[in-house]
Amino acid sequence: FMQWYRQAPGKQRELVAHITTGGSTNYADSAKGRFTISRDN
């Protein structure tokens, strides 16, 4: 399973997007509609 996280100065690391081994994806509310996670195995 693969994820993108981010950490801004002075803030905790947060999950941005997630993709399963089968290609299903989930996004943080802040990323929905703007970010796309993908994988090339």
Full PDB file with SEQRES, HELIX, SHEET, SSBOND, CRYST1, ORIGX, SCALE, CONECT and MASTER records, all heavy atoms in Angstrom:
SEQRES   1 A   41  PHE MET GLN TRP TYR ARG GLN ALA PRO GLY LYS GLN ARG          
SEQRES   2 A   41  GLU LEU VAL ALA HIS ILE THR THR GLY GLY SER THR ASN          
SEQRES   3 A   41  TYR ALA ASP SER ALA LYS GLY ARG PHE THR ILE SER ARG          
SEQRES   4 A   41  ASP ASN                                                      
SHEET    1 AA1 3 MET A   2  ARG A   6  0                                        
SHEET    2 AA1 3 GLU A  14  ILE A  19 -1                                        
SHEET    3 AA1 3 THR A  25  TYR A  27 -1                                        
CRYST1    1.000    1.000    1.000  90.00  90.00  90.00 P 1           1          
ORIGX1      1.000000  0.000000  0.000000        0.00000                         
ORIGX2      0.000000  1.000000  0.000000        0.00000                         
ORIGX3      0.000000  0.000000  1.000000        0.00000                         
SCALE1      1.000000  0.000000  0.000000        0.00000                         
SCALE2      0.000000  1.000000  0.000000        0.00000                         
SCALE3      0.000000  0.000000  1.000000        0.00000                         
ATOM      1  N   PHE A   1       0.863  -1.161   0.000  1.00  0.00           N  
ATOM      2  CA  PHE A   1       0.000   0.000   0.000  1.00  0.00           C  
ATOM      3  C   PHE A   1       0.913   1.228   0.000  1.00  0.00           C  
ATOM      4  O   PHE A   1       1.905   1.264   0.725  1.00  0.00           O  
ATOM      5  CB  PHE A   1      -0.876   0.012   1.253  1.00  0.00           C  
ATOM      6  CG  PHE A   1      -1.997  -0.981   1.217  1.00  0.00           C  
ATOM      7  CD1 PHE A   1      -1.745  -2.350   1.185  1.00  0.00           C  
ATOM      8  CD2 PHE A   1      -3.319  -0.563   1.235  1.00  0.00           C  
ATOM      9  CE1 PHE A   1      -2.790  -3.270   1.153  1.00  0.00           C  
ATOM     10  CE2 PHE A   1      -4.358  -1.465   1.212  1.00  0.00           C  
ATOM     11  CZ  PHE A   1      -4.097  -2.815   1.163  1.00  0.00           C  
ATOM     12  N   MET A   2       0.540   2.228  -0.789  1.00  0.00           N  
ATOM     13  CA  MET A   2       1.400   3.395  -0.931  1.00  0.00           C  
ATOM     14  C   MET A   2       0.645   4.662  -0.552  1.00  0.00           C  
ATOM     15  O   MET A   2      -0.557   4.797  -0.838  1.00  0.00           O  
ATOM     16  CB  MET A   2       1.892   3.517  -2.369  1.00  0.00           C  
ATOM     17  CG  MET A   2       2.739   2.350  -2.857  1.00  0.00           C  
ATOM     18  SD  MET A   2       4.271   2.133  -1.906  1.00  0.00           S  
ATOM     19  CE  MET A   2       5.109   3.679  -2.220  1.00  0.00           C  
ATOM     20  N   GLN A   3       1.339   5.561   0.066  1.00  0.00           N  
ATOM     21  CA  GLN A   3       0.749   6.819   0.532  1.00  0.00           C  
ATOM     22  C   GLN A   3       1.655   8.000   0.188  1.00  0.00           C  
ATOM     23  O   GLN A   3       2.880   7.850   0.086  1.00  0.00           O  
ATOM     24  CB  GLN A   3       0.598   6.813   2.060  1.00  0.00           C  
ATOM     25  CG  GLN A   3      -0.512   5.943   2.616  1.00  0.00           C  
ATOM     26  CD  GLN A   3      -0.189   4.472   2.574  1.00  0.00           C  
ATOM     27  OE1 GLN A   3      -1.014   3.647   2.144  1.00  0.00           O  
ATOM     28  NE2 GLN A   3       1.011   4.095   3.015  1.00  0.00           N  
ATOM     29  N   TRP A   4       1.053   9.149   0.073  1.00  0.00           N  
ATOM     30  CA  TRP A   4       1.740  10.431   0.097  1.00  0.00           C  
ATOM     31  C   TRP A   4       1.306  11.152   1.370  1.00  0.00           C  
ATOM     32  O   TRP A   4       0.115  11.272   1.644  1.00  0.00           O  
ATOM     33  CB  TRP A   4       1.398  11.298  -1.105  1.00  0.00           C  
ATOM     34  CG  TRP A   4       2.037  10.870  -2.374  1.00  0.00           C  
ATOM     35  CD1 TRP A   4       1.469  10.169  -3.398  1.00  0.00           C  
ATOM     36  CD2 TRP A   4       3.392  11.136  -2.776  1.00  0.00           C  
ATOM     37  NE1 TRP A   4       2.380   9.959  -4.395  1.00  0.00           N  
ATOM     38  CE2 TRP A   4       3.565  10.546  -4.057  1.00  0.00           C  
ATOM     39  CE3 TRP A   4       4.464  11.801  -2.190  1.00  0.00           C  
ATOM     40  CZ2 TRP A   4       4.773  10.616  -4.743  1.00  0.00           C  
ATOM     41  CZ3 TRP A   4       5.663  11.869  -2.869  1.00  0.00           C  
ATOM     42  CH2 TRP A   4       5.815  11.278  -4.140  1.00  0.00           C  
ATOM     43  N   TYR A   5       2.288  11.610   2.124  1.00  0.00           N  
ATOM     44  CA  TYR A   5       2.078  12.456   3.283  1.00  0.00           C  
ATOM     45  C   TYR A   5       2.725  13.806   3.023  1.00  0.00           C  
ATOM     46  O   TYR A   5       3.563  13.943   2.129  1.00  0.00           O  
ATOM     47  CB  TYR A   5       2.723  11.849   4.538  1.00  0.00           C  
ATOM     48  CG  TYR A   5       1.999  10.678   5.139  1.00  0.00           C  
ATOM     49  CD1 TYR A   5       2.097   9.407   4.592  1.00  0.00           C  
ATOM     50  CD2 TYR A   5       1.234  10.835   6.303  1.00  0.00           C  
ATOM     51  CE1 TYR A   5       1.441   8.317   5.165  1.00  0.00           C  
ATOM     52  CE2 TYR A   5       0.588   9.752   6.893  1.00  0.00           C  
ATOM     53  CZ  TYR A   5       0.698   8.505   6.306  1.00  0.00           C  
ATOM     54  OH  TYR A   5       0.050   7.435   6.884  1.00  0.00           O  
ATOM     55  N   ARG A   6       2.366  14.774   3.836  1.00  0.00           N  
ATOM     56  CA  ARG A   6       3.054  16.057   3.790  1.00  0.00           C  
ATOM     57  C   ARG A   6       3.169  16.638   5.184  1.00  0.00           C  
ATOM     58  O   ARG A   6       2.377  16.329   6.074  1.00  0.00           O  
ATOM     59  CB  ARG A   6       2.332  17.039   2.868  1.00  0.00           C  
ATOM     60  CG  ARG A   6       0.977  17.510   3.361  1.00  0.00           C  
ATOM     61  CD  ARG A   6       0.307  18.391   2.292  1.00  0.00           C  
ATOM     62  NE  ARG A   6      -0.979  18.911   2.760  1.00  0.00           N  
ATOM     63  CZ  ARG A   6      -1.822  19.581   1.963  1.00  0.00           C  
ATOM     64  NH1 ARG A   6      -1.507  19.814   0.688  1.00  0.00           N  
ATOM     65  NH2 ARG A   6      -2.976  20.011   2.441  1.00  0.00           N  
ATOM     66  N   GLN A   7       4.185  17.482   5.338  1.00  0.00           N  
ATOM     67  CA  GLN A   7       4.402  18.152   6.615  1.00  0.00           C  
ATOM     68  C   GLN A   7       4.790  19.591   6.358  1.00  0.00           C  
ATOM     69  O   GLN A   7       5.830  19.859   5.741  1.00  0.00           O  
ATOM     70  CB  GLN A   7       5.480  17.446   7.432  1.00  0.00           C  
ATOM     71  CG  GLN A   7       5.616  17.988   8.836  1.00  0.00           C  
ATOM     72  CD  GLN A   7       6.426  17.071   9.730  1.00  0.00           C  
ATOM     73  OE1 GLN A   7       7.173  16.210   9.269  1.00  0.00           O  
ATOM     74  NE2 GLN A   7       6.270  17.239  11.043  1.00  0.00           N  
ATOM     75  N   ALA A   8       3.951  20.487   6.822  1.00  0.00           N  
ATOM     76  CA  ALA A   8       4.226  21.914   6.721  1.00  0.00           C  
ATOM     77  C   ALA A   8       4.983  22.359   7.965  1.00  0.00           C  
ATOM     78  O   ALA A   8       4.900  21.707   9.019  1.00  0.00           O  
ATOM     79  CB  ALA A   8       2.917  22.680   6.584  1.00  0.00           C  
ATOM     80  N   PRO A   9       5.706  23.465   7.871  1.00  0.00           N  
ATOM     81  CA  PRO A   9       6.457  23.953   9.033  1.00  0.00           C  
ATOM     82  C   PRO A   9       5.560  24.157  10.244  1.00  0.00           C  
ATOM     83  O   PRO A   9       4.497  24.781  10.147  1.00  0.00           O  
ATOM     84  CB  PRO A   9       7.029  25.278   8.536  1.00  0.00           C  
ATOM     85  CG  PRO A   9       7.112  25.134   7.063  1.00  0.00           C  
ATOM     86  CD  PRO A   9       5.924  24.296   6.680  1.00  0.00           C  
ATOM     87  N   GLY A  10       5.975  23.601  11.367  1.00  0.00           N  
ATOM     88  CA  GLY A  10       5.227  23.766  12.603  1.00  0.00           C  
ATOM     89  C   GLY A  10       3.987  22.915  12.712  1.00  0.00           C  
ATOM     90  O   GLY A  10       3.226  23.050  13.682  1.00  0.00           O  
ATOM     91  N   LYS A  11       3.762  22.039  11.745  1.00  0.00           N  
ATOM     92  CA  LYS A  11       2.565  21.203  11.758  1.00  0.00           C  
ATOM     93  C   LYS A  11       2.941  19.729  11.749  1.00  0.00           C  
ATOM     94  O   LYS A  11       4.057  19.356  11.404  1.00  0.00           O  
ATOM     95  CB  LYS A  11       1.674  21.523  10.565  1.00  0.00           C  
ATOM     96  CG  LYS A  11       1.094  22.932  10.596  1.00  0.00           C  
ATOM     97  CD  LYS A  11       0.070  23.127   9.489  1.00  0.00           C  
ATOM     98  CE  LYS A  11      -0.572  24.498   9.561  1.00  0.00           C  
ATOM     99  NZ  LYS A  11      -1.595  24.669   8.490  1.00  0.00           N  
ATOM    100  N   GLN A  12       1.969  18.904  12.126  1.00  0.00           N  
ATOM    101  CA  GLN A  12       2.200  17.468  12.105  1.00  0.00           C  
ATOM    102  C   GLN A  12       2.106  16.933  10.677  1.00  0.00           C  
ATOM    103  O   GLN A  12       1.449  17.527   9.813  1.00  0.00           O  
ATOM    104  CB  GLN A  12       1.174  16.769  13.000  1.00  0.00           C  
ATOM    105  CG  GLN A  12       1.378  17.027  14.483  1.00  0.00           C  
ATOM    106  CD  GLN A  12       0.630  16.029  15.349  1.00  0.00           C  
ATOM    107  OE1 GLN A  12      -0.330  15.401  14.911  1.00  0.00           O  
ATOM    108  NE2 GLN A  12       1.060  15.884  16.588  1.00  0.00           N  
ATOM    109  N   ARG A  13       2.771  15.812  10.466  1.00  0.00           N  
ATOM    110  CA  ARG A  13       2.685  15.149   9.173  1.00  0.00           C  
ATOM    111  C   ARG A  13       1.253  14.645   8.969  1.00  0.00           C  
ATOM    112  O   ARG A  13       0.646  14.102   9.885  1.00  0.00           O  
ATOM    113  CB  ARG A  13       3.673  13.984   9.112  1.00  0.00           C  
ATOM    114  CG  ARG A  13       3.898  13.419   7.736  1.00  0.00           C  
ATOM    115  CD  ARG A  13       5.058  12.441   7.724  1.00  0.00           C  
ATOM    116  NE  ARG A  13       6.332  13.082   8.060  1.00  0.00           N  
ATOM    117  CZ  ARG A  13       7.512  12.470   7.934  1.00  0.00           C  
ATOM    118  NH1 ARG A  13       7.563  11.215   7.497  1.00  0.00           N  
ATOM    119  NH2 ARG A  13       8.609  13.098   8.268  1.00  0.00           N  
ATOM    120  N   GLU A  14       0.734  14.853   7.759  1.00  0.00           N  
ATOM    121  CA  GLU A  14      -0.637  14.442   7.492  1.00  0.00           C  
ATOM    122  C   GLU A  14      -0.715  13.622   6.212  1.00  0.00           C  
ATOM    123  O   GLU A  14       0.055  13.830   5.274  1.00  0.00           O  
ATOM    124  CB  GLU A  14      -1.558  15.666   7.370  1.00  0.00           C  
ATOM    125  CG  GLU A  14      -1.224  16.606   6.234  1.00  0.00           C  
ATOM    126  CD  GLU A  14      -2.222  17.749   6.093  1.00  0.00           C  
ATOM    127  OE1 GLU A  14      -3.197  17.820   6.865  1.00  0.00           O  
ATOM    128  OE2 GLU A  14      -2.021  18.582   5.183  1.00  0.00           O  
ATOM    129  N   LEU A  15      -1.674  12.716   6.192  1.00  0.00           N  
ATOM    130  CA  LEU A  15      -1.903  11.878   5.017  1.00  0.00           C  
ATOM    131  C   LEU A  15      -2.590  12.702   3.943  1.00  0.00           C  
ATOM    132  O   LEU A  15      -3.593  13.369   4.204  1.00  0.00           O  
ATOM    133  CB  LEU A  15      -2.755  10.677   5.397  1.00  0.00           C  
ATOM    134  CG  LEU A  15      -3.128   9.723   4.269  1.00  0.00           C  
ATOM    135  CD1 LEU A  15      -1.890   9.038   3.700  1.00  0.00           C  
ATOM    136  CD2 LEU A  15      -4.118   8.673   4.785  1.00  0.00           C  
ATOM    137  N   VAL A  16      -2.061  12.628   2.740  1.00  0.00           N  
ATOM    138  CA  VAL A  16      -2.627  13.354   1.609  1.00  0.00           C  
ATOM    139  C   VAL A  16      -3.451  12.416   0.722  1.00  0.00           C  
ATOM    140  O   VAL A  16      -4.575  12.738   0.333  1.00  0.00           O  
ATOM    141  CB  VAL A  16      -1.522  14.019   0.771  1.00  0.00           C  
ATOM    142  CG1 VAL A  16      -2.115  14.687  -0.468  1.00  0.00           C  
ATOM    143  CG2 VAL A  16      -0.742  15.019   1.607  1.00  0.00           C  
ATOM    144  N   ALA A  17      -2.857  11.274   0.387  1.00  0.00           N  
ATOM    145  CA  ALA A  17      -3.528  10.345  -0.526  1.00  0.00           C  
ATOM    146  C   ALA A  17      -2.988   8.945  -0.306  1.00  0.00           C  
ATOM    147  O   ALA A  17      -1.841   8.758   0.127  1.00  0.00           O  
ATOM    148  CB  ALA A  17      -3.318  10.775  -1.971  1.00  0.00           C  
ATOM    149  N   HIS A  18      -3.816   7.969  -0.650  1.00  0.00           N  
ATOM    150  CA  HIS A  18      -3.521   6.563  -0.406  1.00  0.00           C  
ATOM    151  C   HIS A  18      -3.952   5.766  -1.630  1.00  0.00           C  
ATOM    152  O   HIS A  18      -4.982   6.062  -2.237  1.00  0.00           O  
ATOM    153  CB  HIS A  18      -4.309   6.122   0.834  1.00  0.00           C  
ATOM    154  CG  HIS A  18      -4.423   4.653   1.018  1.00  0.00           C  
ATOM    155  ND1 HIS A  18      -3.458   3.898   1.634  1.00  0.00           N  
ATOM    156  CD2 HIS A  18      -5.412   3.790   0.679  1.00  0.00           C  
ATOM    157  CE1 HIS A  18      -3.852   2.642   1.660  1.00  0.00           C  
ATOM    158  NE2 HIS A  18      -5.033   2.537   1.097  1.00  0.00           N  
ATOM    159  N   ILE A  19      -3.164   4.755  -1.974  1.00  0.00           N  
ATOM    160  CA  ILE A  19      -3.546   3.868  -3.067  1.00  0.00           C  
ATOM    161  C   ILE A  19      -3.245   2.434  -2.645  1.00  0.00           C  
ATOM    162  O   ILE A  19      -2.163   2.135  -2.130  1.00  0.00           O  
ATOM    163  CB  ILE A  19      -2.844   4.246  -4.394  1.00  0.00           C  
ATOM    164  CG1 ILE A  19      -3.375   3.395  -5.549  1.00  0.00           C  
ATOM    165  CG2 ILE A  19      -1.330   4.161  -4.280  1.00  0.00           C  
ATOM    166  CD1 ILE A  19      -2.980   3.936  -6.921  1.00  0.00           C  
ATOM    167  N   THR A  20      -4.209   1.555  -2.863  1.00  0.00           N  
ATOM    168  CA  THR A  20      -4.039   0.162  -2.468  1.00  0.00           C  
ATOM    169  C   THR A  20      -3.277  -0.604  -3.547  1.00  0.00           C  
ATOM    170  O   THR A  20      -2.976  -0.091  -4.627  1.00  0.00           O  
ATOM    171  CB  THR A  20      -5.405  -0.498  -2.261  1.00  0.00           C  
ATOM    172  OG1 THR A  20      -6.070  -0.608  -3.537  1.00  0.00           O  
ATOM    173  CG2 THR A  20      -6.283   0.296  -1.309  1.00  0.00           C  
ATOM    174  N   THR A  21      -2.997  -1.863  -3.240  1.00  0.00           N  
ATOM    175  CA  THR A  21      -2.336  -2.708  -4.225  1.00  0.00           C  
ATOM    176  C   THR A  21      -3.214  -2.908  -5.457  1.00  0.00           C  
ATOM    177  O   THR A  21      -2.699  -3.092  -6.562  1.00  0.00           O  
ATOM    178  CB  THR A  21      -1.999  -4.067  -3.622  1.00  0.00           C  
ATOM    179  OG1 THR A  21      -3.198  -4.654  -3.085  1.00  0.00           O  
ATOM    180  CG2 THR A  21      -0.963  -3.939  -2.506  1.00  0.00           C  
ATOM    181  N   GLY A  22      -4.507  -2.813  -5.286  1.00  0.00           N  
ATOM    182  CA  GLY A  22      -5.429  -2.981  -6.401  1.00  0.00           C  
ATOM    183  C   GLY A  22      -5.761  -1.706  -7.140  1.00  0.00           C  
ATOM    184  O   GLY A  22      -6.506  -1.738  -8.126  1.00  0.00           O  
ATOM    185  N   GLY A  23      -5.214  -0.592  -6.658  1.00  0.00           N  
ATOM    186  CA  GLY A  23      -5.417   0.671  -7.338  1.00  0.00           C  
ATOM    187  C   GLY A  23      -6.541   1.531  -6.794  1.00  0.00           C  
ATOM    188  O   GLY A  23      -6.804   2.611  -7.338  1.00  0.00           O  
ATOM    189  N   SER A  24      -7.196   1.099  -5.729  1.00  0.00           N  
ATOM    190  CA  SER A  24      -8.214   1.948  -5.108  1.00  0.00           C  
ATOM    191  C   SER A  24      -7.554   3.113  -4.401  1.00  0.00           C  
ATOM    192  O   SER A  24      -6.487   2.950  -3.810  1.00  0.00           O  
ATOM    193  CB  SER A  24      -9.050   1.140  -4.121  1.00  0.00           C  
ATOM    194  OG  SER A  24      -9.732   0.100  -4.769  1.00  0.00           O  
ATOM    195  N   THR A  25      -8.209   4.269  -4.446  1.00  0.00           N  
ATOM    196  CA  THR A  25      -7.596   5.483  -3.916  1.00  0.00           C  
ATOM    197  C   THR A  25      -8.487   6.172  -2.894  1.00  0.00           C  
ATOM    198  O   THR A  25      -9.720   6.037  -2.919  1.00  0.00           O  
ATOM    199  CB  THR A  25      -7.297   6.470  -5.049  1.00  0.00           C  
ATOM    200  OG1 THR A  25      -8.513   6.790  -5.731  1.00  0.00           O  
ATOM    201  CG2 THR A  25      -6.312   5.885  -6.045  1.00  0.00           C  
ATOM    202  N   ASN A  26      -7.844   6.897  -1.998  1.00  0.00           N  
ATOM    203  CA  ASN A  26      -8.528   7.762  -1.048  1.00  0.00           C  
ATOM    204  C   ASN A  26      -7.713   9.025  -0.869  1.00  0.00           C  
ATOM    205  O   ASN A  26      -6.475   8.995  -0.997  1.00  0.00           O  
ATOM    206  CB  ASN A  26      -8.701   7.072   0.306  1.00  0.00           C  
ATOM    207  CG  ASN A  26      -9.891   6.132   0.314  1.00  0.00           C  
ATOM    208  OD1 ASN A  26     -11.035   6.561   0.202  1.00  0.00           O  
ATOM    209  ND2 ASN A  26      -9.627   4.847   0.440  1.00  0.00           N  
ATOM    210  N   TYR A  27      -8.416  10.115  -0.556  1.00  0.00           N  
ATOM    211  CA  TYR A  27      -7.762  11.418  -0.449  1.00  0.00           C  
ATOM    212  C   TYR A  27      -8.210  12.159   0.802  1.00  0.00           C  
ATOM    213  O   TYR A  27      -9.361  12.013   1.241  1.00  0.00           O  
ATOM    214  CB  TYR A  27      -8.102  12.283  -1.660  1.00  0.00           C  
ATOM    215  CG  TYR A  27      -7.642  11.710  -2.971  1.00  0.00           C  
ATOM    216  CD1 TYR A  27      -8.467  10.874  -3.717  1.00  0.00           C  
ATOM    217  CD2 TYR A  27      -6.367  12.000  -3.466  1.00  0.00           C  
ATOM    218  CE1 TYR A  27      -8.037  10.336  -4.907  1.00  0.00           C  
ATOM    219  CE2 TYR A  27      -5.935  11.462  -4.668  1.00  0.00           C  
ATOM    220  CZ  TYR A  27      -6.775  10.629  -5.380  1.00  0.00           C  
ATOM    221  OH  TYR A  27      -6.350  10.096  -6.569  1.00  0.00           O  
ATOM    222  N   ALA A  28      -7.312  12.958   1.324  1.00  0.00           N  
ATOM    223  CA  ALA A  28      -7.697  13.908   2.347  1.00  0.00           C  
ATOM    224  C   ALA A  28      -8.661  14.913   1.729  1.00  0.00           C  
ATOM    225  O   ALA A  28      -8.603  15.180   0.516  1.00  0.00           O  
ATOM    226  CB  ALA A  28      -6.466  14.627   2.888  1.00  0.00           C  
ATOM    227  N   ASP A  29      -9.521  15.466   2.546  1.00  0.00           N  
ATOM    228  CA  ASP A  29     -10.495  16.432   2.026  1.00  0.00           C  
ATOM    229  C   ASP A  29      -9.798  17.577   1.300  1.00  0.00           C  
ATOM    230  O   ASP A  29     -10.289  18.094   0.292  1.00  0.00           O  
ATOM    231  CB  ASP A  29     -11.360  16.980   3.163  1.00  0.00           C  
ATOM    232  CG  ASP A  29     -12.374  15.963   3.665  1.00  0.00           C  
ATOM    233  OD1 ASP A  29     -12.612  14.958   2.958  1.00  0.00           O  
ATOM    234  OD2 ASP A  29     -12.921  16.163   4.763  1.00  0.00           O  
ATOM    235  N   SER A  30      -8.647  17.980   1.798  1.00  0.00           N  
ATOM    236  CA  SER A  30      -7.918  19.105   1.205  1.00  0.00           C  
ATOM    237  C   SER A  30      -7.382  18.782  -0.182  1.00  0.00           C  
ATOM    238  O   SER A  30      -7.053  19.694  -0.948  1.00  0.00           O  
ATOM    239  CB  SER A  30      -6.762  19.515   2.113  1.00  0.00           C  
ATOM    240  OG  SER A  30      -5.875  18.432   2.311  1.00  0.00           O  
ATOM    241  N   ALA A  31      -7.293  17.499  -0.504  1.00  0.00           N  
ATOM    242  CA  ALA A  31      -6.726  17.077  -1.784  1.00  0.00           C  
ATOM    243  C   ALA A  31      -7.776  16.640  -2.803  1.00  0.00           C  
ATOM    244  O   ALA A  31      -7.486  16.579  -4.004  1.00  0.00           O  
ATOM    245  CB  ALA A  31      -5.748  15.929  -1.555  1.00  0.00           C  
ATOM    246  N   LYS A  32      -8.954  16.368  -2.350  1.00  0.00           N  
ATOM    247  CA  LYS A  32     -10.003  15.854  -3.247  1.00  0.00           C  
ATOM    248  C   LYS A  32     -10.301  16.840  -4.372  1.00  0.00           C  
ATOM    249  O   LYS A  32     -10.474  18.035  -4.137  1.00  0.00           O  
ATOM    250  CB  LYS A  32     -11.276  15.571  -2.449  1.00  0.00           C  
ATOM    251  CG  LYS A  32     -11.197  14.325  -1.594  1.00  0.00           C  
ATOM    252  CD  LYS A  32     -12.471  14.112  -0.807  1.00  0.00           C  
ATOM    253  CE  LYS A  32     -12.362  12.884   0.081  1.00  0.00           C  
ATOM    254  NZ  LYS A  32     -13.565  12.693   0.934  1.00  0.00           N  
ATOM    255  N   GLY A  33     -10.354  16.315  -5.575  1.00  0.00           N  
ATOM    256  CA  GLY A  33     -10.679  17.131  -6.732  1.00  0.00           C  
ATOM    257  C   GLY A  33      -9.501  17.870  -7.336  1.00  0.00           C  
ATOM    258  O   GLY A  33      -9.617  18.439  -8.418  1.00  0.00           O  
ATOM    259  N   ARG A  34      -8.367  17.882  -6.622  1.00  0.00           N  
ATOM    260  CA  ARG A  34      -7.192  18.594  -7.118  1.00  0.00           C  
ATOM    261  C   ARG A  34      -5.986  17.680  -7.322  1.00  0.00           C  
ATOM    262  O   ARG A  34      -5.178  17.913  -8.218  1.00  0.00           O  
ATOM    263  CB  ARG A  34      -6.803  19.718  -6.154  1.00  0.00           C  
ATOM    264  CG  ARG A  34      -7.878  20.762  -5.939  1.00  0.00           C  
ATOM    265  CD  ARG A  34      -7.333  21.938  -5.122  1.00  0.00           C  
ATOM    266  NE  ARG A  34      -6.883  21.519  -3.791  1.00  0.00           N  
ATOM    267  CZ  ARG A  34      -5.665  21.782  -3.308  1.00  0.00           C  
ATOM    268  NH1 ARG A  34      -4.786  22.448  -4.032  1.00  0.00           N  
ATOM    269  NH2 ARG A  34      -5.328  21.387  -2.082  1.00  0.00           N  
ATOM    270  N   PHE A  35      -5.864  16.679  -6.472  1.00  0.00           N  
ATOM    271  CA  PHE A  35      -4.707  15.776  -6.523  1.00  0.00           C  
ATOM    272  C   PHE A  35      -5.141  14.406  -7.023  1.00  0.00           C  
ATOM    273  O   PHE A  35      -6.264  13.956  -6.748  1.00  0.00           O  
ATOM    274  CB  PHE A  35      -4.092  15.611  -5.130  1.00  0.00           C  
ATOM    275  CG  PHE A  35      -3.465  16.838  -4.548  1.00  0.00           C  
ATOM    276  CD1 PHE A  35      -3.488  18.065  -5.201  1.00  0.00           C  
ATOM    277  CD2 PHE A  35      -2.831  16.769  -3.316  1.00  0.00           C  
ATOM    278  CE1 PHE A  35      -2.905  19.196  -4.647  1.00  0.00           C  
ATOM    279  CE2 PHE A  35      -2.232  17.880  -2.750  1.00  0.00           C  
ATOM    280  CZ  PHE A  35      -2.278  19.093  -3.412  1.00  0.00           C  
ATOM    281  N   THR A  36      -4.223  13.730  -7.719  1.00  0.00           N  
ATOM    282  CA  THR A  36      -4.477  12.362  -8.171  1.00  0.00           C  
ATOM    283  C   THR A  36      -3.264  11.496  -7.859  1.00  0.00           C  
ATOM    284  O   THR A  36      -2.153  11.804  -8.306  1.00  0.00           O  
ATOM    285  CB  THR A  36      -4.760  12.320  -9.675  1.00  0.00           C  
ATOM    286  OG1 THR A  36      -5.889  13.160  -9.980  1.00  0.00           O  
ATOM    287  CG2 THR A  36      -5.067  10.898 -10.119  1.00  0.00           C  
ATOM    288  N   ILE A  37      -3.495  10.435  -7.108  1.00  0.00           N  
ATOM    289  CA  ILE A  37      -2.431   9.477  -6.803  1.00  0.00           C  
ATOM    290  C   ILE A  37      -2.545   8.325  -7.785  1.00  0.00           C  
ATOM    291  O   ILE A  37      -3.653   7.892  -8.138  1.00  0.00           O  
ATOM    292  CB  ILE A  37      -2.517   8.981  -5.341  1.00  0.00           C  
ATOM    293  CG1 ILE A  37      -1.311   8.134  -4.967  1.00  0.00           C  
ATOM    294  CG2 ILE A  37      -3.823   8.237  -5.085  1.00  0.00           C  
ATOM    295  CD1 ILE A  37      -1.233   7.776  -3.478  1.00  0.00           C  
ATOM    296  N   SER A  38      -1.392   7.837  -8.243  1.00  0.00           N  
ATOM    297  CA  SER A  38      -1.387   6.698  -9.158  1.00  0.00           C  
ATOM    298  C   SER A  38      -0.096   5.921  -8.961  1.00  0.00           C  
ATOM    299  O   SER A  38       0.844   6.411  -8.326  1.00  0.00           O  
ATOM    300  CB  SER A  38      -1.533   7.151 -10.609  1.00  0.00           C  
ATOM    301  OG  SER A  38      -0.466   7.991 -10.998  1.00  0.00           O  
ATOM    302  N   ARG A  39      -0.068   4.733  -9.510  1.00  0.00           N  
ATOM    303  CA  ARG A  39       1.125   3.902  -9.385  1.00  0.00           C  
ATOM    304  C   ARG A  39       1.368   3.146 -10.687  1.00  0.00           C  
ATOM    305  O   ARG A  39       0.416   2.814 -11.399  1.00  0.00           O  
ATOM    306  CB  ARG A  39       0.970   2.925  -8.217  1.00  0.00           C  
ATOM    307  CG  ARG A  39      -0.123   1.893  -8.383  1.00  0.00           C  
ATOM    308  CD  ARG A  39      -0.408   1.150  -7.063  1.00  0.00           C  
ATOM    309  NE  ARG A  39       0.760   0.401  -6.616  1.00  0.00           N  
ATOM    310  CZ  ARG A  39       0.914  -0.037  -5.373  1.00  0.00           C  
ATOM    311  NH1 ARG A  39      -0.020   0.210  -4.447  1.00  0.00           N  
ATOM    312  NH2 ARG A  39       1.995  -0.726  -5.051  1.00  0.00           N  
ATOM    313  N   ASP A  40       2.644   2.912 -10.954  1.00  0.00           N  
ATOM    314  CA  ASP A  40       3.058   2.098 -12.092  1.00  0.00           C  
ATOM    315  C   ASP A  40       3.909   0.970 -11.523  1.00  0.00           C  
ATOM    316  O   ASP A  40       5.096   1.165 -11.242  1.00  0.00           O  
ATOM    317  CB  ASP A  40       3.825   2.942 -13.101  1.00  0.00           C  
ATOM    318  CG  ASP A  40       4.166   2.169 -14.365  1.00  0.00           C  
ATOM    319  OD1 ASP A  40       4.195   0.930 -14.327  1.00  0.00           O  
ATOM    320  OD2 ASP A  40       4.421   2.816 -15.387  1.00  0.00           O  
ATOM    321  N   ASN A  41       3.304  -0.182 -11.351  1.00  0.00           N  
ATOM    322  CA  ASN A  41       4.023  -1.292 -10.725  1.00  0.00           C  
ATOM    323  C   ASN A  41       5.180  -1.789 -11.578  1.00  0.00           C  
ATOM    324  O   ASN A  41       6.177  -2.289 -11.051  1.00  0.00           O  
ATOM    325  CB  ASN A  41       3.059  -2.434 -10.427  1.00  0.00           C  
ATOM    326  CG  ASN A  41       2.078  -2.107  -9.315  1.00  0.00           C  
ATOM    327  OD1 ASN A  41       2.337  -1.227  -8.477  1.00  0.00           O  
ATOM    328  ND2 ASN A  41       0.954  -2.789  -9.303  1.00  0.00           N  
TER     329      ASN A  41                                                      
MASTER        0    0    0    0    3    0    0    6  328    1    0    4          
END                                                                             
